[in-house]
Protein backbone atom coordinates (compact mmCIF):
# COMPACT_ATOMS: atom_id res chain seq x y z
CA MET A 1 113.68 46.25 100.56
CA ASP A 2 109.96 47.00 100.53
CA HIS A 3 109.38 47.99 96.90
CA GLU A 4 105.69 48.73 97.45
CA SER A 5 106.28 51.16 100.34
CA LEU A 6 109.18 52.79 98.53
CA THR A 7 107.13 53.27 95.36
CA GLU A 8 104.30 54.83 97.36
CA LEU A 9 106.74 57.19 99.08
CA PHE A 10 108.29 58.33 95.79
CA ALA A 11 104.83 58.82 94.29
CA GLU A 12 103.79 60.91 97.29
CA LEU A 13 106.90 63.10 96.93
CA GLY A 14 106.54 63.35 93.16
CA PHE A 15 109.87 61.54 92.44
CA ARG A 16 108.79 59.65 89.33
CA SER A 17 112.27 58.86 88.06
CA PHE A 18 113.28 57.53 91.49
CA ALA A 19 110.25 55.26 91.49
CA GLU A 20 111.28 53.87 88.11
CA ARG A 21 114.84 53.26 89.31
CA ALA A 22 113.68 51.62 92.54
CA ALA A 23 111.53 49.18 90.57
CA LYS A 24 114.67 47.92 88.77
CA ILE A 25 116.65 47.22 91.96
CA ASP A 26 117.22 43.57 92.81
CA PRO A 27 116.83 43.22 96.62
CA THR A 28 119.09 40.14 96.66
CA LYS A 29 122.06 42.23 95.49
CA LEU A 30 121.76 44.98 98.08
CA PRO A 31 124.58 45.28 100.64
CA VAL A 32 123.86 44.04 104.12
CA PRO A 33 123.36 47.00 106.50
CA THR A 34 125.96 47.36 109.23
CA THR A 35 125.88 49.00 112.63
CA ALA A 36 126.74 52.68 112.88
CA GLU A 37 130.42 53.48 113.09
CA LYS A 38 131.82 55.10 116.17
CA ALA A 39 132.42 58.79 115.47
CA ASN A 40 135.91 60.16 115.79
CA TYR A 41 136.09 63.89 116.58
CA HIS A 42 139.33 65.90 116.64
CA LEU A 43 139.85 69.14 118.53
CA VAL A 44 142.28 71.37 116.67
CA ASP A 45 143.77 73.80 119.18
CA THR A 46 147.48 73.90 118.30
CA PRO A 47 149.30 75.37 115.29
CA GLU A 48 150.71 71.95 114.43
CA ALA A 49 147.28 70.31 114.39
CA LEU A 50 145.93 73.18 112.28
CA ALA A 51 148.72 72.83 109.72
CA ASP A 52 148.05 69.09 109.46
CA LEU A 53 144.33 69.71 108.96
CA VAL A 54 144.93 72.33 106.25
CA THR A 55 147.19 69.85 104.43
CA GLN A 56 144.43 67.25 104.44
CA LEU A 57 141.75 69.76 103.36
CA ASN A 58 143.82 70.87 100.39
CA THR A 59 143.76 67.33 99.00
CA GLN A 60 139.96 66.99 99.14
CA THR A 61 137.40 67.67 96.41
CA LEU A 62 134.36 67.83 98.71
CA ILE A 63 134.24 68.92 102.36
CA SER A 64 131.56 69.79 104.91
CA VAL A 65 131.95 73.28 106.41
CA ASP A 66 130.32 74.98 109.37
CA THR A 67 131.08 78.03 111.49
CA GLU A 68 130.30 78.36 115.18
CA THR A 69 129.49 81.96 116.09
CA THR A 70 128.25 84.26 118.84
CA HIS A 71 125.06 85.53 117.18
CA VAL A 72 122.21 84.32 114.99
CA GLN A 73 122.52 87.42 112.81
CA PRO A 74 125.55 86.80 110.56
CA ARG A 75 126.59 90.44 110.33
CA CYS A 76 126.65 90.75 114.12
CA ALA A 77 128.43 87.45 114.78
CA GLU A 78 132.02 86.69 115.75
CA ILE A 79 133.54 83.36 114.77
CA VAL A 80 134.10 80.99 117.70
CA GLY A 81 135.28 77.99 115.69
CA TYR A 82 135.24 76.10 112.40
CA SER A 83 133.97 72.58 111.77
CA PHE A 84 135.18 70.38 108.92
CA ALA A 85 134.43 66.84 107.76
CA PHE A 86 135.49 64.88 104.69
CA LYS A 87 135.41 61.26 105.92
CA PRO A 88 132.53 59.17 107.27
CA ALA A 89 132.22 59.30 111.07
CA GLU A 90 135.13 61.70 111.45
CA ALA A 91 135.19 65.47 111.93
CA TYR A 92 137.44 68.32 113.07
CA TYR A 93 136.72 71.36 115.20
CA VAL A 94 139.05 74.36 115.06
CA ALA A 95 138.65 76.48 118.19
CA VAL A 96 139.51 80.19 118.01
CA ARG A 97 137.43 81.41 120.97
CA GLY A 98 136.28 79.68 124.13
CA PRO A 99 135.86 79.86 127.90
CA ALA A 100 138.61 81.50 129.90
CA GLY A 101 141.52 79.18 130.54
CA GLU A 102 140.95 76.89 127.57
CA ARG A 103 143.52 76.66 124.80
CA VAL A 104 142.40 78.23 121.52
CA LEU A 105 144.09 79.38 118.33
CA ASP A 106 144.63 82.96 117.26
CA PRO A 107 141.53 84.01 115.26
CA LYS A 108 143.35 86.06 112.59
CA GLN A 109 146.18 83.60 112.01
CA THR A 110 143.73 80.70 111.84
CA LEU A 111 141.55 82.46 109.28
CA GLU A 112 144.56 83.21 107.10
CA ALA A 113 145.63 79.57 107.30
CA LEU A 114 142.16 78.42 106.23
CA ARG A 115 141.67 81.10 103.55
CA PRO A 116 143.21 79.07 100.67
CA VAL A 117 140.83 76.19 101.44
CA LEU A 118 137.72 78.31 101.90
CA GLU A 119 138.34 80.43 98.79
CA ASN A 120 139.31 77.50 96.54
CA PRO A 121 136.39 76.78 94.14
CA GLN A 122 137.91 73.39 93.27
CA ILE A 123 137.23 72.23 96.83
CA ARG A 124 133.46 71.95 96.85
CA LYS A 125 131.62 72.77 100.07
CA LEU A 126 128.44 71.39 101.55
CA GLY A 127 126.69 72.37 104.76
CA GLN A 128 123.54 73.46 106.56
CA ASN A 129 122.39 77.01 105.73
CA LEU A 130 125.60 77.91 103.91
CA LYS A 131 124.27 81.40 103.23
CA TYR A 132 124.79 82.19 106.91
CA ASP A 133 128.39 80.92 106.86
CA MET A 134 129.07 82.75 103.61
CA ILE A 135 127.98 86.09 105.13
CA VAL A 136 129.91 85.47 108.37
CA LEU A 137 133.08 84.75 106.43
CA ARG A 138 132.52 87.68 104.09
CA VAL A 139 132.32 90.02 107.08
CA ALA A 140 135.61 88.50 108.26
CA GLY A 141 137.17 89.18 104.84
CA VAL A 142 136.93 85.71 103.24
CA THR A 143 134.87 84.79 100.18
CA LEU A 144 133.54 81.26 100.51
CA ALA A 145 133.82 79.59 97.08
CA GLY A 146 132.78 76.26 95.62
CA LEU A 147 129.31 76.02 97.17
CA ALA A 148 127.96 72.63 96.12
CA PHE A 149 125.12 71.47 98.37
CA ASP A 150 122.98 72.90 101.18
CA THR A 151 121.03 70.42 103.30
CA MET A 152 118.56 73.09 104.44
CA ILE A 153 117.61 73.95 100.85
CA ALA A 154 117.38 70.25 100.03
CA SER A 155 115.05 69.70 102.98
CA TYR A 156 112.84 72.60 101.87
CA LEU A 157 112.60 71.27 98.31
CA ALA A 158 111.79 67.76 99.52
CA ARG A 159 109.01 68.99 101.80
CA ARG A 160 107.70 71.39 99.16
CA GLY A 161 106.53 68.50 97.01
CA ARG A 162 104.65 66.72 99.77
CA PRO A 163 100.86 67.05 99.94
CA GLN A 164 99.40 68.94 102.86
CA SER A 165 98.69 66.57 105.75
CA GLN A 166 95.95 68.83 107.08
CA PRO A 167 93.20 70.72 105.22
CA ARG A 168 93.63 74.42 104.88
CA ARG A 169 92.12 76.27 107.80
CA PRO A 170 89.12 78.51 106.99
CA ARG A 171 89.65 82.23 107.15
CA PRO A 172 88.53 83.89 110.38
CA ALA A 173 85.07 85.48 110.25
CA ILE A 174 86.57 88.91 110.93
CA PHE A 175 88.25 88.87 107.50
CA GLU A 176 85.02 87.93 105.73
CA SER A 177 83.15 90.69 107.60
CA HIS A 178 85.84 93.21 106.69
CA ASN A 179 85.69 92.23 103.00
CA HIS A 180 81.89 92.52 103.03
CA GLN A 181 82.08 96.03 104.51
CA ASN A 182 84.61 97.06 101.87
CA ARG A 183 82.40 95.78 99.05
CA SER A 184 79.33 97.51 100.51
CA ALA A 185 81.19 100.80 100.91
CA HIS A 186 82.46 100.54 97.33
CA ARG A 187 78.91 100.13 95.97
CA GLN A 188 77.50 102.99 98.06
CA ARG A 189 80.22 105.60 97.54
CA PRO A 190 79.27 108.62 95.37
CA ARG A 191 80.56 108.84 91.87
CA THR A 192 83.58 111.07 91.35
CA LYS A 193 85.39 112.53 88.40
CA ALA A 194 87.54 109.40 88.39
CA ASP A 195 84.38 107.43 87.51
CA GLY A 196 83.71 109.62 84.48
CA ARG A 197 80.99 111.69 86.13
CA SER A 198 80.94 114.33 88.81
CA ALA A 199 79.00 113.85 92.02
CA ARG A 200 78.36 117.58 92.19
CA SER A 201 75.88 119.56 90.18
CA PRO A 202 77.17 121.27 87.02
CA SER A 203 79.07 124.46 87.75
CA ARG A 204 77.63 127.81 86.75
CA HIS A 205 81.01 128.61 85.27
CA VAL A 206 82.30 127.10 82.06
CA ARG A 207 85.70 127.29 80.38
CA ARG A 208 85.91 128.32 76.78
CA ARG A 209 89.18 128.64 74.93
CA GLY A 210 91.13 128.98 78.15
CA ARG A 211 88.99 131.89 79.42
CA ARG A 212 86.52 131.77 82.26
CA HIS A 213 82.99 133.07 81.54
CA SER A 214 79.90 133.19 83.68
CA ALA A 215 76.91 131.39 82.33
CA PRO A 216 74.02 133.81 81.65
CA ASN A 217 71.21 133.81 84.17
CA ALA A 218 67.97 132.28 82.97
CA PRO A 219 65.30 134.91 82.05
CA ASP A 220 62.50 135.52 84.45
CA PRO A 221 59.24 133.78 83.44
């Protein structure tokens, strides 16, 4: 492990405690990296396979959840399928809609079978943009509970602490010209009653005790 590069990276991201922990790691005791495992994906398209999956999900404390839908707007979307994972290199896809001729599960019955898992706060959920899945499921009548981790939020927070790689671009000249015109117009505008003075000459009429009187004309010289 390259301690120097790792320390520089943590310093750049502002992870001071991580930098301190990394400095205490003994490289000779680190596990030897292995090649990536071959992924094993399961298509759940029968009631028997769904029941087996639900049984496994109910025994988990942390699962990855994702919904496949027909629209990017969650309130306009219909659920096409559900994705679950709780083991490394293994995942399940529950199909409830698909191309004509392909075997899929009944959408309503599948949702009811998954409801106890999705609404169980003891089974923590992680995913990407879980807010979207939460709204999609809420529209379908299910309250997603046990939200634990969102990779999209984590990515935003990690990038938020990084310094800008490029200097801030200068403002276009049109904005500076517009601001200059506004300042000039503000200095040149006539005073109004809102400024404490009136831009007009004093009125020949004055108000005294709620009654209106005409000011006497000045005598002829």
